[in-house]
Amino acid sequence: MKKIKLAFRIVIDQSSEMIWDRYVFDDTYFEYKIQHQVFDEKENPVKNYWELLQKNPNAKQIPFLLSGAASNYVAQLGGVVRSLPDVLGNTFFPFENFKLDLISSHLEDPSKHKIGLTFFSPELLLIDIIDGKYLLSNETDLENGWETFMLPFHPQVAIAYYQKI
């Protein structure tokens, strides 16, 4: 058996339709425009994030600074992402923390603003893998049986931490 932590990543851009995603998009884009100006040169300005990063390596702080704009929305989730169901249809994915990455953005074109949010689960017990599904337990310290749930493999879920026990 192994102790693992799972990571679940969602990408939010201008085409995102869920209202929560839209709020995160709007606030992170607004914050991006502020931070872009902070890190840009007044004499020779650039418009997109990757150009800015090449000119000013300190702009690598921008994703962390955008996390503040997303953190209130993440707090609203109450430690559970409900868009990832287990095999019984229970829609929960417990998480302890998250990380925001800036995929792309542009000072004047919101259609180019795209972020990734990666949610990290608490430590889980990986009991087995059966037919493309993780057999997991929230109980990592028991020795004689566990209450379990099964999570199907998903293209946006990865094992972010692994410890053989």
C-alpha atoms as a PDB file:
ATOM      1  CA  MET A   1       0.000   0.000   0.000  1.00  0.00           C
ATOM      2  CA  LYS A   2       0.973   3.580  -0.535  1.00  0.00           C
ATOM      3  CA  LYS A   3       0.181   7.000   0.818  1.00  0.00           C
ATOM      4  CA  ILE A   4      -0.518   9.449  -1.977  1.00  0.00           C
ATOM      5  CA  LYS A   5      -1.760  12.941  -2.634  1.00  0.00           C
ATOM      6  CA  LEU A   6      -3.721  13.599  -5.780  1.00  0.00           C
ATOM      7  CA  ALA A   7      -3.669  16.750  -7.874  1.00  0.00           C
ATOM      8  CA  PHE A   8      -6.694  17.860  -9.911  1.00  0.00           C
ATOM      9  CA  ARG A   9      -6.140  20.635 -12.472  1.00  0.00           C
ATOM     10  CA  ILE A  10      -8.730  22.796 -14.142  1.00  0.00           C
ATOM     11  CA  VAL A  11      -8.056  25.378 -16.839  1.00  0.00           C
ATOM     12  CA  ILE A  12     -10.034  28.611 -16.879  1.00  0.00           C
ATOM     13  CA  ASP A  13     -10.189  30.921 -19.877  1.00  0.00           C
ATOM     14  CA  GLN A  14     -12.626  33.268 -21.565  1.00  0.00           C
ATOM     15  CA  SER A  15     -14.700  30.348 -22.884  1.00  0.00           C
ATOM     16  CA  SER A  16     -15.317  28.917 -19.382  1.00  0.00           C
ATOM     17  CA  GLU A  17     -19.045  28.747 -18.738  1.00  0.00           C
ATOM     18  CA  MET A  18     -19.478  27.954 -15.032  1.00  0.00           C
ATOM     19  CA  ILE A  19     -20.248  31.098 -13.041  1.00  0.00           C
ATOM     20  CA  TRP A  20     -17.523  30.331 -10.481  1.00  0.00           C
ATOM     21  CA  ASP A  21     -14.966  30.013 -13.299  1.00  0.00           C
ATOM     22  CA  ARG A  22     -16.158  33.307 -14.783  1.00  0.00           C
ATOM     23  CA  TYR A  23     -15.609  35.132 -11.476  1.00  0.00           C
ATOM     24  CA  VAL A  24     -12.120  33.641 -11.140  1.00  0.00           C
ATOM     25  CA  PHE A  25     -11.369  34.576 -14.749  1.00  0.00           C
ATOM     26  CA  ASP A  26     -12.568  38.174 -14.354  1.00  0.00           C
ATOM     27  CA  ASP A  27     -10.727  38.828 -11.096  1.00  0.00           C
ATOM     28  CA  THR A  28      -7.467  37.194 -12.142  1.00  0.00           C
ATOM     29  CA  TYR A  29      -7.485  39.059 -15.453  1.00  0.00           C
ATOM     30  CA  PHE A  30      -8.115  42.358 -13.675  1.00  0.00           C
ATOM     31  CA  GLU A  31      -5.224  41.586 -11.299  1.00  0.00           C
ATOM     32  CA  TYR A  32      -3.034  40.500 -14.217  1.00  0.00           C
ATOM     33  CA  LYS A  33      -3.455  43.877 -15.913  1.00  0.00           C
ATOM     34  CA  ILE A  34      -2.347  45.629 -12.715  1.00  0.00           C
ATOM     35  CA  GLN A  35       0.662  43.346 -12.173  1.00  0.00           C
ATOM     36  CA  HIS A  36       1.694  43.505 -15.842  1.00  0.00           C
ATOM     37  CA  GLN A  37       2.066  47.269 -15.553  1.00  0.00           C
ATOM     38  CA  VAL A  38       4.093  46.911 -12.350  1.00  0.00           C
ATOM     39  CA  PHE A  39       6.658  44.645 -14.041  1.00  0.00           C
ATOM     40  CA  ASP A  40       6.667  46.235 -17.513  1.00  0.00           C
ATOM     41  CA  GLU A  41       9.125  48.871 -18.725  1.00  0.00           C
ATOM     42  CA  LYS A  42       7.624  52.295 -19.344  1.00  0.00           C
ATOM     43  CA  GLU A  43      10.064  53.066 -22.211  1.00  0.00           C
ATOM     44  CA  ASN A  44       9.642  49.814 -24.127  1.00  0.00           C
ATOM     45  CA  PRO A  45       6.370  48.143 -23.071  1.00  0.00           C
ATOM     46  CA  VAL A  46       5.200  44.703 -24.158  1.00  0.00           C
ATOM     47  CA  LYS A  47       1.664  43.353 -24.254  1.00  0.00           C
ATOM     48  CA  ASN A  48       1.776  39.636 -23.429  1.00  0.00           C
ATOM     49  CA  TYR A  49       2.942  37.666 -20.408  1.00  0.00           C
ATOM     50  CA  TRP A  50       5.655  35.628 -22.148  1.00  0.00           C
ATOM     51  CA  GLU A  51       7.311  38.729 -23.612  1.00  0.00           C
ATOM     52  CA  LEU A  52       7.123  40.369 -20.206  1.00  0.00           C
ATOM     53  CA  LEU A  53       8.737  37.342 -18.589  1.00  0.00           C
ATOM     54  CA  GLN A  54      11.612  37.423 -21.092  1.00  0.00           C
ATOM     55  CA  LYS A  55      12.272  41.108 -20.431  1.00  0.00           C
ATOM     56  CA  ASN A  56      11.828  40.973 -16.675  1.00  0.00           C
ATOM     57  CA  PRO A  57      12.481  37.644 -14.926  1.00  0.00           C
ATOM     58  CA  ASN A  58      10.884  39.073 -11.768  1.00  0.00           C
ATOM     59  CA  ALA A  59       7.539  38.820 -13.570  1.00  0.00           C
ATOM     60  CA  LYS A  60       7.612  35.119 -12.613  1.00  0.00           C
ATOM     61  CA  GLN A  61       5.972  36.345  -9.368  1.00  0.00           C
ATOM     62  CA  ILE A  62       2.768  37.216 -11.240  1.00  0.00           C
ATOM     63  CA  PRO A  63       1.104  33.771 -10.918  1.00  0.00           C
ATOM     64  CA  PHE A  64       1.625  33.874  -7.151  1.00  0.00           C
ATOM     65  CA  LEU A  65       0.199  37.403  -7.048  1.00  0.00           C
ATOM     66  CA  LEU A  66      -2.822  36.280  -9.084  1.00  0.00           C
ATOM     67  CA  SER A  67      -3.445  33.549  -6.493  1.00  0.00           C
ATOM     68  CA  GLY A  68      -4.650  36.249  -4.133  1.00  0.00           C
ATOM     69  CA  ALA A  69      -7.376  37.184  -6.606  1.00  0.00           C
ATOM     70  CA  ALA A  70      -8.494  33.538  -6.782  1.00  0.00           C
ATOM     71  CA  SER A  71      -8.119  32.609  -3.102  1.00  0.00           C
ATOM     72  CA  ASN A  72     -11.487  33.996  -1.930  1.00  0.00           C
ATOM     73  CA  TYR A  73     -13.253  31.941  -4.600  1.00  0.00           C
ATOM     74  CA  VAL A  74     -11.251  28.843  -3.685  1.00  0.00           C
ATOM     75  CA  ALA A  75     -12.210  29.403  -0.026  1.00  0.00           C
ATOM     76  CA  GLN A  76     -15.893  29.335  -1.076  1.00  0.00           C
ATOM     77  CA  LEU A  77     -15.411  25.705  -2.146  1.00  0.00           C
ATOM     78  CA  GLY A  78     -14.929  24.721   1.496  1.00  0.00           C
ATOM     79  CA  GLY A  79     -12.078  22.319   0.757  1.00  0.00           C
ATOM     80  CA  VAL A  80     -14.088  20.281  -1.772  1.00  0.00           C
ATOM     81  CA  VAL A  81     -14.120  20.407  -5.573  1.00  0.00           C
ATOM     82  CA  ARG A  82     -17.526  19.058  -6.555  1.00  0.00           C
ATOM     83  CA  SER A  83     -16.926  18.593 -10.276  1.00  0.00           C
ATOM     84  CA  LEU A  84     -14.999  15.316 -10.011  1.00  0.00           C
ATOM     85  CA  PRO A  85     -17.299  12.377  -9.158  1.00  0.00           C
ATOM     86  CA  ASP A  86     -16.270   9.054  -7.691  1.00  0.00           C
ATOM     87  CA  VAL A  87     -17.647   5.838  -9.226  1.00  0.00           C
ATOM     88  CA  LEU A  88     -20.901   6.156  -7.255  1.00  0.00           C
ATOM     89  CA  GLY A  89     -21.515   9.661  -8.549  1.00  0.00           C
ATOM     90  CA  ASN A  90     -20.611  11.396  -5.311  1.00  0.00           C
ATOM     91  CA  THR A  91     -19.183  14.675  -6.507  1.00  0.00           C
ATOM     92  CA  PHE A  92     -16.355  15.514  -4.212  1.00  0.00           C
ATOM     93  CA  PHE A  93     -12.617  15.889  -4.355  1.00  0.00           C
ATOM     94  CA  PRO A  94     -11.188  16.982  -1.001  1.00  0.00           C
ATOM     95  CA  PHE A  95      -8.313  19.431  -1.201  1.00  0.00           C
ATOM     96  CA  GLU A  96      -5.969  21.108   1.266  1.00  0.00           C
ATOM     97  CA  ASN A  97      -4.359  23.718  -0.955  1.00  0.00           C
ATOM     98  CA  PHE A  98      -4.099  24.935  -4.509  1.00  0.00           C
ATOM     99  CA  LYS A  99      -1.634  26.455  -6.913  1.00  0.00           C
ATOM    100  CA  LEU A 100      -2.369  28.878  -9.734  1.00  0.00           C
ATOM    101  CA  ASP A 101      -0.295  28.841 -12.896  1.00  0.00           C
ATOM    102  CA  LEU A 102      -0.529  31.469 -15.598  1.00  0.00           C
ATOM    103  CA  ILE A 103      -0.691  29.733 -18.969  1.00  0.00           C
ATOM    104  CA  SER A 104      -0.940  32.937 -20.994  1.00  0.00           C
ATOM    105  CA  SER A 105      -2.277  36.468 -20.841  1.00  0.00           C
ATOM    106  CA  HIS A 106      -2.302  39.713 -22.749  1.00  0.00           C
ATOM    107  CA  LEU A 107      -2.643  43.230 -21.418  1.00  0.00           C
ATOM    108  CA  GLU A 108      -5.279  44.260 -23.963  1.00  0.00           C
ATOM    109  CA  ASP A 109      -6.854  40.969 -25.105  1.00  0.00           C
ATOM    110  CA  PRO A 110      -8.832  39.034 -22.476  1.00  0.00           C
ATOM    111  CA  SER A 111      -9.298  36.123 -24.924  1.00  0.00           C
ATOM    112  CA  LYS A 112      -5.606  35.309 -24.366  1.00  0.00           C
ATOM    113  CA  HIS A 113      -5.913  35.133 -20.561  1.00  0.00           C
ATOM    114  CA  LYS A 114      -5.738  31.514 -19.404  1.00  0.00           C
ATOM    115  CA  ILE A 115      -4.938  30.129 -15.962  1.00  0.00           C
ATOM    116  CA  GLY A 116      -4.624  26.697 -14.438  1.00  0.00           C
ATOM    117  CA  LEU A 117      -5.763  25.895 -10.910  1.00  0.00           C
ATOM    118  CA  THR A 118      -4.342  22.728  -9.398  1.00  0.00           C
ATOM    119  CA  PHE A 119      -6.010  21.415  -6.240  1.00  0.00           C
ATOM    120  CA  PHE A 120      -4.028  19.059  -3.975  1.00  0.00           C
ATOM    121  CA  SER A 121      -5.790  16.403  -1.898  1.00  0.00           C
ATOM    122  CA  PRO A 122      -4.892  15.537   1.662  1.00  0.00           C
ATOM    123  CA  GLU A 123      -2.908  12.343   2.143  1.00  0.00           C
ATOM    124  CA  LEU A 124      -4.887   9.316   1.005  1.00  0.00           C
ATOM    125  CA  LEU A 125      -4.252   5.604   1.277  1.00  0.00           C
ATOM    126  CA  LEU A 126      -3.947   3.983  -2.150  1.00  0.00           C
ATOM    127  CA  ILE A 127      -5.083   0.430  -1.502  1.00  0.00           C
ATOM    128  CA  ASP A 128      -5.175  -0.821  -5.086  1.00  0.00           C
ATOM    129  CA  ILE A 129      -5.890   0.063  -8.696  1.00  0.00           C
ATOM    130  CA  ILE A 130      -8.809  -1.900 -10.127  1.00  0.00           C
ATOM    131  CA  ASP A 131     -10.075  -1.586 -13.713  1.00  0.00           C
ATOM    132  CA  GLY A 132      -8.758   1.936 -14.220  1.00  0.00           C
ATOM    133  CA  LYS A 133      -9.935   3.151 -10.832  1.00  0.00           C
ATOM    134  CA  TYR A 134      -8.080   4.118  -7.678  1.00  0.00           C
ATOM    135  CA  LEU A 135      -9.298   2.275  -4.571  1.00  0.00           C
ATOM    136  CA  LEU A 136      -8.670   4.872  -1.866  1.00  0.00           C
ATOM    137  CA  SER A 137      -9.292   5.586   1.784  1.00  0.00           C
ATOM    138  CA  ASN A 138      -9.165   8.785   3.786  1.00  0.00           C
ATOM    139  CA  GLU A 139      -8.008   6.649   6.722  1.00  0.00           C
ATOM    140  CA  THR A 140      -4.234   6.433   6.337  1.00  0.00           C
ATOM    141  CA  ASP A 141      -3.289   5.002   9.746  1.00  0.00           C
ATOM    142  CA  LEU A 142      -5.620   2.031  10.288  1.00  0.00           C
ATOM    143  CA  GLU A 143      -4.309  -1.508   9.988  1.00  0.00           C
ATOM    144  CA  ASN A 144      -7.359  -3.788   9.932  1.00  0.00           C
ATOM    145  CA  GLY A 145      -9.735  -2.311   7.400  1.00  0.00           C
ATOM    146  CA  TRP A 146     -10.689   0.949   5.819  1.00  0.00           C
ATOM    147  CA  GLU A 147     -13.738   2.792   4.638  1.00  0.00           C
ATOM    148  CA  THR A 148     -13.047   3.226   0.947  1.00  0.00           C
ATOM    149  CA  PHE A 149     -14.107   5.023  -2.186  1.00  0.00           C
ATOM    150  CA  MET A 150     -13.172   4.548  -5.822  1.00  0.00           C
ATOM    151  CA  LEU A 151     -12.092   7.336  -8.124  1.00  0.00           C
ATOM    152  CA  PRO A 152     -11.844   6.625 -11.853  1.00  0.00           C
ATOM    153  CA  PHE A 153      -8.737   7.629 -13.732  1.00  0.00           C
ATOM    154  CA  HIS A 154      -9.229  11.102 -15.113  1.00  0.00           C
ATOM    155  CA  PRO A 155      -7.009  13.023 -17.549  1.00  0.00           C
ATOM    156  CA  GLN A 156      -6.835  15.997 -15.162  1.00  0.00           C
ATOM    157  CA  VAL A 157      -5.883  13.948 -12.074  1.00  0.00           C
ATOM    158  CA  ALA A 158      -2.320  12.967 -11.233  1.00  0.00           C
ATOM    159  CA  ILE A 159      -0.503  11.497  -8.263  1.00  0.00           C
ATOM    160  CA  ALA A 160       1.415  14.452  -6.821  1.00  0.00           C
ATOM    161  CA  TYR A 161       2.943  12.655  -3.796  1.00  0.00           C
ATOM    162  CA  TYR A 162       3.818   8.996  -3.297  1.00  0.00           C
ATOM    163  CA  GLN A 163       5.108   7.154  -0.240  1.00  0.00           C
ATOM    164  CA  LYS A 164       5.470   3.392  -0.047  1.00  0.00           C
ATOM    165  CA  ILE A 165       4.476   2.021   3.359  1.00  0.00           C
END
